[in-house]
Amino acid sequence: MVESKKQNNNEWEPKIIAFLCNWCSYAGADLAGTSRLQYPPYIRIIRVPCSGRINPIYIINALMDGADGVMVSGCHPGDCHYLAGNLYARRRFTVLKKMLTTVGIDPERVQFTWVSASEGNRFAEVVQEVTEKIVKLGPNPIFTETKQRKVR
């Protein structure tokens, strides 16, 4: 399991927002849960109809509102229930990562992945990997000690 960093003698735990496609990734998360697979508890799941429907502004807002990282997960290429939504998402997030670098936010704070409905084990592994990356990056630098995080 991931050990969280300490910041100023307070226990810091990463806050990760996960936008999951309803048809594949959310079902994969559900399978991980019903299979009682262990993964870090630091994600807050938001179910969306398709990863292609996630406006990059949602990701930026999550980071601005206190998330330490954002994970977006959709259907594997060729398996999208909306035909090409996941391919649109992949293009958007490539541009978004370049934009984050431009404004000084580490693009590793945003992770994009594919998880199908039958991949509960993969979902647990992905959450573990994303959490480890966010823990290495530390708290979101947009915030100072005096700012209250909105993400709960």
N, C-alpha and C. Protein backbone atom coordinates (compact mmCIF):
# COMPACT_ATOMS: atom_id res chain seq x y z
N MET A 1 0.83 -1.19 0.00
CA MET A 1 0.00 0.00 0.00
C MET A 1 0.88 1.25 0.00
N VAL A 2 0.29 2.35 -0.39
CA VAL A 2 1.00 3.62 -0.47
C VAL A 2 1.06 4.26 0.90
N GLU A 3 2.23 4.70 1.26
CA GLU A 3 2.41 5.45 2.51
C GLU A 3 2.32 6.93 2.14
N SER A 4 1.49 7.68 2.81
CA SER A 4 1.37 9.10 2.49
C SER A 4 2.47 9.91 3.19
N LYS A 5 2.82 11.05 2.57
CA LYS A 5 3.85 11.93 3.12
C LYS A 5 3.29 12.75 4.26
N LYS A 6 4.17 13.24 5.10
CA LYS A 6 3.75 14.16 6.16
C LYS A 6 4.14 15.57 5.74
N GLN A 7 3.28 16.51 6.06
CA GLN A 7 3.56 17.91 5.76
C GLN A 7 3.29 18.72 7.02
N ASN A 8 4.31 19.38 7.53
CA ASN A 8 4.20 20.22 8.72
C ASN A 8 3.54 19.49 9.89
N ASN A 9 4.00 18.28 10.16
CA ASN A 9 3.53 17.45 11.26
C ASN A 9 2.05 17.08 11.16
N ASN A 10 1.40 17.41 10.08
CA ASN A 10 0.02 16.98 9.85
C ASN A 10 0.07 15.83 8.86
N GLU A 11 -0.80 14.90 9.05
CA GLU A 11 -0.86 13.77 8.14
C GLU A 11 -1.48 14.23 6.82
N TRP A 12 -0.74 14.11 5.74
CA TRP A 12 -1.24 14.48 4.42
C TRP A 12 -1.66 13.22 3.69
N GLU A 13 -2.84 13.23 3.16
CA GLU A 13 -3.32 12.14 2.33
C GLU A 13 -3.72 12.74 0.99
N PRO A 14 -3.28 12.12 -0.10
CA PRO A 14 -3.60 12.69 -1.41
C PRO A 14 -5.09 12.64 -1.69
N LYS A 15 -5.56 13.63 -2.41
CA LYS A 15 -6.95 13.67 -2.86
C LYS A 15 -6.91 13.52 -4.38
N ILE A 16 -7.48 12.44 -4.88
CA ILE A 16 -7.45 12.14 -6.31
C ILE A 16 -8.88 12.02 -6.81
N ILE A 17 -9.20 12.81 -7.81
CA ILE A 17 -10.51 12.75 -8.44
C ILE A 17 -10.40 11.80 -9.63
N ALA A 18 -11.32 10.84 -9.72
CA ALA A 18 -11.31 9.87 -10.82
C ALA A 18 -12.59 10.01 -11.62
N PHE A 19 -12.45 10.44 -12.87
CA PHE A 19 -13.58 10.49 -13.80
C PHE A 19 -13.60 9.15 -14.53
N LEU A 20 -14.64 8.36 -14.31
CA LEU A 20 -14.71 7.02 -14.89
C LEU A 20 -15.88 6.90 -15.85
N CYS A 21 -15.60 6.32 -17.01
CA CYS A 21 -16.62 6.00 -18.00
C CYS A 21 -17.63 5.04 -17.39
N ASN A 22 -18.90 5.31 -17.58
CA ASN A 22 -19.97 4.49 -17.02
C ASN A 22 -19.91 3.04 -17.51
N TRP A 23 -19.59 2.83 -18.77
CA TRP A 23 -19.73 1.51 -19.38
C TRP A 23 -18.58 0.58 -19.08
N CYS A 24 -17.38 1.09 -18.96
CA CYS A 24 -16.23 0.21 -18.76
C CYS A 24 -15.51 0.46 -17.44
N SER A 25 -14.94 1.62 -17.28
CA SER A 25 -14.09 1.87 -16.11
C SER A 25 -14.87 1.85 -14.81
N TYR A 26 -16.07 2.42 -14.80
CA TYR A 26 -16.86 2.39 -13.58
C TYR A 26 -17.23 0.95 -13.24
N ALA A 27 -17.57 0.18 -14.26
CA ALA A 27 -17.89 -1.24 -14.04
C ALA A 27 -16.65 -2.00 -13.56
N GLY A 28 -15.47 -1.62 -14.07
CA GLY A 28 -14.22 -2.22 -13.58
C GLY A 28 -13.97 -1.89 -12.12
N ALA A 29 -14.28 -0.65 -11.73
CA ALA A 29 -14.15 -0.25 -10.32
C ALA A 29 -15.14 -1.02 -9.47
N ASP A 30 -16.35 -1.19 -9.99
CA ASP A 30 -17.36 -1.95 -9.27
C ASP A 30 -16.91 -3.40 -9.09
N LEU A 31 -16.32 -3.98 -10.13
CA LEU A 31 -15.81 -5.35 -10.03
C LEU A 31 -14.70 -5.44 -9.00
N ALA A 32 -13.82 -4.45 -8.98
CA ALA A 32 -12.75 -4.44 -7.97
C ALA A 32 -13.34 -4.41 -6.57
N GLY A 33 -14.39 -3.62 -6.40
CA GLY A 33 -15.03 -3.53 -5.09
C GLY A 33 -15.74 -4.80 -4.69
N THR A 34 -16.51 -5.36 -5.61
CA THR A 34 -17.25 -6.57 -5.27
C THR A 34 -16.31 -7.77 -5.11
N SER A 35 -15.13 -7.69 -5.74
CA SER A 35 -14.13 -8.75 -5.58
C SER A 35 -13.26 -8.52 -4.34
N ARG A 36 -13.54 -7.43 -3.64
CA ARG A 36 -12.81 -7.05 -2.42
C ARG A 36 -11.31 -6.90 -2.66
N LEU A 37 -10.97 -6.33 -3.81
CA LEU A 37 -9.57 -6.06 -4.11
C LEU A 37 -9.12 -4.83 -3.34
N GLN A 38 -7.91 -4.85 -2.84
CA GLN A 38 -7.39 -3.74 -2.06
C GLN A 38 -6.71 -2.72 -2.98
N TYR A 39 -7.05 -1.46 -2.79
CA TYR A 39 -6.35 -0.36 -3.46
C TYR A 39 -6.47 0.86 -2.57
N PRO A 40 -5.60 1.84 -2.76
CA PRO A 40 -5.61 3.01 -1.86
C PRO A 40 -6.96 3.73 -1.86
N PRO A 41 -7.37 4.21 -0.71
CA PRO A 41 -8.70 4.83 -0.57
C PRO A 41 -8.74 6.31 -0.90
N TYR A 42 -7.77 6.81 -1.61
CA TYR A 42 -7.65 8.26 -1.79
C TYR A 42 -8.39 8.80 -3.01
N ILE A 43 -9.10 7.95 -3.75
CA ILE A 43 -9.79 8.46 -4.93
C ILE A 43 -11.24 8.77 -4.62
N ARG A 44 -11.75 9.77 -5.32
CA ARG A 44 -13.16 10.14 -5.26
C ARG A 44 -13.67 9.93 -6.68
N ILE A 45 -14.57 8.99 -6.85
CA ILE A 45 -15.02 8.61 -8.19
C ILE A 45 -16.20 9.46 -8.63
N ILE A 46 -16.10 9.91 -9.89
CA ILE A 46 -17.20 10.61 -10.55
C ILE A 46 -17.52 9.81 -11.81
N ARG A 47 -18.73 9.28 -11.88
CA ARG A 47 -19.14 8.48 -13.03
C ARG A 47 -19.65 9.41 -14.12
N VAL A 48 -19.13 9.24 -15.33
CA VAL A 48 -19.54 10.04 -16.48
C VAL A 48 -20.00 9.09 -17.59
N PRO A 49 -20.86 9.57 -18.49
CA PRO A 49 -21.35 8.68 -19.55
C PRO A 49 -20.23 8.14 -20.44
N CYS A 50 -19.23 8.98 -20.71
CA CYS A 50 -18.13 8.59 -21.61
C CYS A 50 -16.94 9.49 -21.30
N SER A 51 -15.74 8.93 -21.40
CA SER A 51 -14.54 9.75 -21.16
C SER A 51 -14.44 10.89 -22.17
N GLY A 52 -15.06 10.72 -23.33
CA GLY A 52 -15.07 11.77 -24.34
C GLY A 52 -15.93 12.96 -23.96
N ARG A 53 -16.76 12.82 -22.95
CA ARG A 53 -17.62 13.91 -22.49
C ARG A 53 -16.98 14.75 -21.40
N ILE A 54 -15.77 14.43 -21.01
CA ILE A 54 -15.11 15.18 -19.94
C ILE A 54 -14.45 16.41 -20.53
N ASN A 55 -14.98 17.54 -20.15
CA ASN A 55 -14.40 18.81 -20.58
C ASN A 55 -13.11 19.02 -19.79
N PRO A 56 -12.01 19.39 -20.44
CA PRO A 56 -10.76 19.63 -19.71
C PRO A 56 -10.90 20.65 -18.58
N ILE A 57 -11.89 21.52 -18.68
CA ILE A 57 -12.14 22.49 -17.61
C ILE A 57 -12.47 21.77 -16.31
N TYR A 58 -13.16 20.61 -16.39
CA TYR A 58 -13.47 19.84 -15.18
C TYR A 58 -12.20 19.43 -14.45
N ILE A 59 -11.20 19.06 -15.23
CA ILE A 59 -9.93 18.62 -14.65
C ILE A 59 -9.21 19.81 -14.02
N ILE A 60 -9.19 20.92 -14.73
CA ILE A 60 -8.54 22.12 -14.20
C ILE A 60 -9.25 22.58 -12.93
N ASN A 61 -10.58 22.56 -12.95
CA ASN A 61 -11.35 22.96 -11.75
C ASN A 61 -11.06 22.03 -10.58
N ALA A 62 -10.94 20.74 -10.84
CA ALA A 62 -10.63 19.80 -9.75
C ALA A 62 -9.28 20.15 -9.13
N LEU A 63 -8.30 20.46 -9.95
CA LEU A 63 -6.98 20.83 -9.43
C LEU A 63 -7.04 22.16 -8.69
N MET A 64 -7.81 23.12 -9.21
CA MET A 64 -7.95 24.41 -8.56
C MET A 64 -8.71 24.32 -7.24
N ASP A 65 -9.62 23.34 -7.14
CA ASP A 65 -10.43 23.19 -5.94
C ASP A 65 -9.78 22.30 -4.88
N GLY A 66 -8.55 21.86 -5.12
CA GLY A 66 -7.85 21.14 -4.07
C GLY A 66 -7.45 19.72 -4.34
N ALA A 67 -7.78 19.18 -5.48
CA ALA A 67 -7.35 17.81 -5.78
C ALA A 67 -5.84 17.80 -6.02
N ASP A 68 -5.18 16.78 -5.51
CA ASP A 68 -3.75 16.63 -5.75
C ASP A 68 -3.48 15.96 -7.09
N GLY A 69 -4.46 15.24 -7.59
CA GLY A 69 -4.33 14.57 -8.88
C GLY A 69 -5.68 14.24 -9.45
N VAL A 70 -5.70 13.97 -10.75
CA VAL A 70 -6.93 13.60 -11.45
C VAL A 70 -6.63 12.39 -12.32
N MET A 71 -7.51 11.42 -12.25
CA MET A 71 -7.40 10.24 -13.08
C MET A 71 -8.63 10.19 -13.98
N VAL A 72 -8.41 9.96 -15.27
CA VAL A 72 -9.50 9.80 -16.22
C VAL A 72 -9.36 8.41 -16.81
N SER A 73 -10.42 7.64 -16.79
CA SER A 73 -10.36 6.28 -17.30
C SER A 73 -11.56 6.01 -18.19
N GLY A 74 -11.30 5.42 -19.34
CA GLY A 74 -12.36 5.12 -20.28
C GLY A 74 -12.23 3.73 -20.86
N CYS A 75 -13.08 3.45 -21.84
CA CYS A 75 -13.05 2.16 -22.53
C CYS A 75 -11.77 2.04 -23.35
N HIS A 76 -11.35 0.83 -23.61
CA HIS A 76 -10.20 0.60 -24.48
C HIS A 76 -10.53 1.09 -25.89
N PRO A 77 -9.51 1.54 -26.65
CA PRO A 77 -9.77 1.96 -28.03
C PRO A 77 -10.47 0.85 -28.82
N GLY A 78 -11.52 1.24 -29.52
CA GLY A 78 -12.30 0.28 -30.28
C GLY A 78 -13.48 -0.30 -29.52
N ASP A 79 -13.53 -0.07 -28.20
CA ASP A 79 -14.62 -0.62 -27.38
C ASP A 79 -15.58 0.44 -26.87
N CYS A 80 -15.43 1.68 -27.30
CA CYS A 80 -16.27 2.76 -26.79
C CYS A 80 -17.73 2.54 -27.19
N HIS A 81 -18.62 2.65 -26.23
CA HIS A 81 -20.05 2.50 -26.50
C HIS A 81 -20.58 3.66 -27.34
N TYR A 82 -19.84 4.74 -27.41
CA TYR A 82 -20.22 5.88 -28.23
C TYR A 82 -19.29 6.00 -29.43
N LEU A 83 -18.73 4.90 -29.85
CA LEU A 83 -17.89 4.72 -31.03
C LEU A 83 -16.48 5.31 -30.89
N ALA A 84 -16.37 6.62 -30.76
CA ALA A 84 -15.03 7.22 -30.75
C ALA A 84 -14.81 8.19 -29.60
N GLY A 85 -15.66 8.17 -28.60
CA GLY A 85 -15.54 9.11 -27.49
C GLY A 85 -14.20 9.02 -26.79
N ASN A 86 -13.71 7.82 -26.57
CA ASN A 86 -12.43 7.67 -25.88
C ASN A 86 -11.27 8.19 -26.73
N LEU A 87 -11.40 8.13 -28.04
CA LEU A 87 -10.34 8.66 -28.91
C LEU A 87 -10.33 10.18 -28.87
N TYR A 88 -11.52 10.78 -28.80
CA TYR A 88 -11.59 12.24 -28.63
C TYR A 88 -10.96 12.64 -27.30
N ALA A 89 -11.26 11.87 -26.28
CA ALA A 89 -10.71 12.16 -24.96
C ALA A 89 -9.19 12.10 -24.99
N ARG A 90 -8.64 11.08 -25.62
CA ARG A 90 -7.18 10.94 -25.67
C ARG A 90 -6.54 12.17 -26.32
N ARG A 91 -7.15 12.66 -27.40
CA ARG A 91 -6.61 13.86 -28.06
C ARG A 91 -6.70 15.08 -27.15
N ARG A 92 -7.85 15.24 -26.48
CA ARG A 92 -8.03 16.39 -25.58
C ARG A 92 -6.99 16.39 -24.46
N PHE A 93 -6.73 15.20 -23.89
CA PHE A 93 -5.84 15.15 -22.75
C PHE A 93 -4.38 15.29 -23.14
N THR A 94 -4.05 14.97 -24.38
CA THR A 94 -2.69 15.24 -24.86
C THR A 94 -2.47 16.75 -24.89
N VAL A 95 -3.45 17.48 -25.40
CA VAL A 95 -3.36 18.95 -25.44
C VAL A 95 -3.39 19.52 -24.02
N LEU A 96 -4.25 18.98 -23.17
CA LEU A 96 -4.35 19.46 -21.79
C LEU A 96 -3.02 19.32 -21.05
N LYS A 97 -2.35 18.20 -21.22
CA LYS A 97 -1.08 18.00 -20.52
C LYS A 97 -0.04 19.03 -20.96
N LYS A 98 -0.02 19.37 -22.24
CA LYS A 98 0.89 20.41 -22.72
C LYS A 98 0.53 21.77 -22.11
N MET A 99 -0.76 22.03 -22.01
CA MET A 99 -1.22 23.30 -21.43
C MET A 99 -0.86 23.38 -19.94
N LEU A 100 -1.00 22.26 -19.21
CA LEU A 100 -0.66 22.25 -17.79
C LEU A 100 0.82 22.59 -17.60
N THR A 101 1.67 22.04 -18.45
CA THR A 101 3.10 22.34 -18.38
C THR A 101 3.34 23.84 -18.58
N THR A 102 2.62 24.42 -19.52
CA THR A 102 2.76 25.84 -19.82
C THR A 102 2.42 26.72 -18.62
N VAL A 103 1.39 26.33 -17.86
CA VAL A 103 0.97 27.15 -16.72
C VAL A 103 1.66 26.75 -15.42
N GLY A 104 2.57 25.79 -15.48
CA GLY A 104 3.37 25.45 -14.30
C GLY A 104 2.82 24.34 -13.42
N ILE A 105 1.87 23.57 -13.92
CA ILE A 105 1.34 22.44 -13.17
C ILE A 105 1.96 21.17 -13.75
N ASP A 106 2.49 20.33 -12.89
CA ASP A 106 3.12 19.09 -13.35
C ASP A 106 2.06 18.23 -14.06
N PRO A 107 2.28 17.89 -15.34
CA PRO A 107 1.29 17.11 -16.07
C PRO A 107 1.10 15.69 -15.51
N GLU A 108 2.01 15.23 -14.67
CA GLU A 108 1.85 13.92 -14.04
C GLU A 108 0.72 13.90 -13.02
N ARG A 109 0.21 15.07 -12.67
CA ARG A 109 -0.94 15.15 -11.77
C ARG A 109 -2.23 14.69 -12.46
N VAL A 110 -2.19 14.57 -13.79
CA VAL A 110 -3.34 14.11 -14.56
C VAL A 110 -2.94 12.83 -15.27
N GLN A 111 -3.67 11.76 -14.99
CA GLN A 111 -3.38 10.45 -15.59
C GLN A 111 -4.58 9.97 -16.40
N PHE A 112 -4.30 9.42 -17.56
CA PHE A 112 -5.35 8.90 -18.43
C PHE A 112 -5.08 7.42 -18.65
N THR A 113 -6.12 6.60 -18.54
CA THR A 113 -5.94 5.15 -18.66
C THR A 113 -7.18 4.49 -19.26
N TRP A 114 -7.01 3.25 -19.68
CA TRP A 114 -8.12 2.44 -20.19
C TRP A 114 -8.35 1.28 -19.24
N VAL A 115 -9.58 1.07 -18.83
CA VAL A 115 -9.94 -0.08 -18.00
C VAL A 115 -11.29 -0.58 -18.48
N SER A 116 -11.40 -1.87 -18.77
CA SER A 116 -12.68 -2.41 -19.21
C SER A 116 -13.48 -2.94 -18.02
N ALA A 117 -14.73 -3.30 -18.28
CA ALA A 117 -15.62 -3.77 -17.22
C ALA A 117 -15.13 -5.06 -16.58
N SER A 118 -14.35 -5.85 -17.30
CA SER A 118 -13.88 -7.13 -16.76
C SER A 118 -12.51 -7.04 -16.10
N GLU A 119 -11.98 -5.83 -15.97
CA GLU A 119 -10.63 -5.65 -15.46
C GLU A 119 -10.60 -5.03 -14.06
N GLY A 120 -11.24 -5.70 -13.11
CA GLY A 120 -11.21 -5.22 -11.74
C GLY A 120 -9.79 -5.19 -11.18
N ASN A 121 -9.00 -6.22 -11.48
CA ASN A 121 -7.60 -6.24 -11.03
C ASN A 121 -6.82 -5.09 -11.62
N ARG A 122 -7.03 -4.82 -12.89
CA ARG A 122 -6.32 -3.71 -13.55
C ARG A 122 -6.72 -2.39 -12.91
N PHE A 123 -8.01 -2.22 -12.60
CA PHE A 123 -8.44 -0.98 -11.97
C PHE A 123 -7.69 -0.77 -10.65
N ALA A 124 -7.62 -1.81 -9.83
CA ALA A 124 -6.91 -1.70 -8.55
C ALA A 124 -5.43 -1.36 -8.77
N GLU A 125 -4.80 -1.96 -9.78
CA GLU A 125 -3.40 -1.67 -10.09
C GLU A 125 -3.22 -0.23 -10.54
N VAL A 126 -4.13 0.25 -11.40
CA VAL A 126 -4.04 1.62 -11.91
C VAL A 126 -4.18 2.62 -10.77
N VAL A 127 -5.13 2.39 -9.88
CA VAL A 127 -5.31 3.29 -8.74
C VAL A 127 -4.04 3.30 -7.88
N GLN A 128 -3.45 2.14 -7.68
CA GLN A 128 -2.20 2.05 -6.92
C GLN A 128 -1.09 2.86 -7.59
N GLU A 129 -0.94 2.70 -8.91
CA GLU A 129 0.11 3.42 -9.65
C GLU A 129 -0.12 4.93 -9.62
N VAL A 130 -1.34 5.35 -9.86
CA VAL A 130 -1.65 6.79 -9.86
C VAL A 130 -1.40 7.37 -8.47
N THR A 131 -1.82 6.67 -7.44
CA THR A 131 -1.62 7.15 -6.07
C THR A 131 -0.13 7.27 -5.77
N GLU A 132 0.67 6.30 -6.17
CA GLU A 132 2.12 6.37 -5.94
C GLU A 132 2.72 7.59 -6.62
N LYS A 133 2.29 7.87 -7.86
CA LYS A 133 2.80 9.05 -8.58
C LYS A 133 2.42 10.34 -7.86
N ILE A 134 1.19 10.42 -7.40
CA ILE A 134 0.73 11.64 -6.72
C ILE A 134 1.46 11.81 -5.38
N VAL A 135 1.67 10.72 -4.66
CA VAL A 135 2.39 10.80 -3.38
C VAL A 135 3.81 11.30 -3.62
N LYS A 136 4.46 10.85 -4.69
CA LYS A 136 5.82 11.32 -5.02
C LYS A 136 5.81 12.81 -5.33
N LEU A 137 4.74 13.28 -5.99
CA LEU A 137 4.65 14.71 -6.33
C LEU A 137 4.34 15.57 -5.11
N GLY A 138 3.68 14.98 -4.13
CA GLY A 138 3.33 15.73 -2.92
C GLY A 138 2.05 16.52 -3.10
N PRO A 139 1.72 17.35 -2.13
CA PRO A 139 0.48 18.13 -2.19
C PRO A 139 0.46 19.06 -3.40
N ASN A 140 -0.72 19.36 -3.85
CA ASN A 140 -0.92 20.26 -4.97
C ASN A 140 -0.33 21.63 -4.62
N PRO A 141 0.64 22.12 -5.41
CA PRO A 141 1.31 23.39 -5.06
C PRO A 141 0.43 24.62 -5.24
N ILE A 142 -0.73 24.45 -5.82
CA ILE A 142 -1.62 25.60 -6.00
C ILE A 142 -2.08 26.12 -4.65
N PHE A 143 -2.07 25.24 -3.66
CA PHE A 143 -2.58 25.58 -2.34
C PHE A 143 -1.47 25.87 -1.34
N THR A 144 -1.76 26.78 -0.45
CA THR A 144 -0.87 27.05 0.67
C THR A 144 -1.53 26.49 1.92
N GLU A 145 -0.85 26.56 3.02
CA GLU A 145 -1.40 26.02 4.27
C GLU A 145 -2.68 26.74 4.68
N THR A 146 -2.80 28.00 4.30
CA THR A 146 -3.95 28.78 4.76
C THR A 146 -5.21 28.56 3.94
N LYS A 147 -5.08 27.99 2.76
CA LYS A 147 -6.26 27.79 1.92
C LYS A 147 -6.98 26.51 2.30
N GLN A 148 -8.26 26.57 2.36
CA GLN A 148 -9.10 25.42 2.67
C GLN A 148 -9.38 24.64 1.38
N ARG A 149 -9.19 23.34 1.42
CA ARG A 149 -9.50 22.53 0.26
C ARG A 149 -11.00 22.32 0.16
N LYS A 150 -11.51 22.41 -1.07
CA LYS A 150 -12.94 22.16 -1.30
C LYS A 150 -13.19 20.68 -1.50
N VAL A 151 -12.21 19.94 -2.02
CA VAL A 151 -12.39 18.52 -2.30
C VAL A 151 -12.39 17.75 -0.98
N ARG A 152 -13.38 16.93 -0.78
CA ARG A 152 -13.49 16.16 0.46
C ARG A 152 -13.49 14.69 0.18
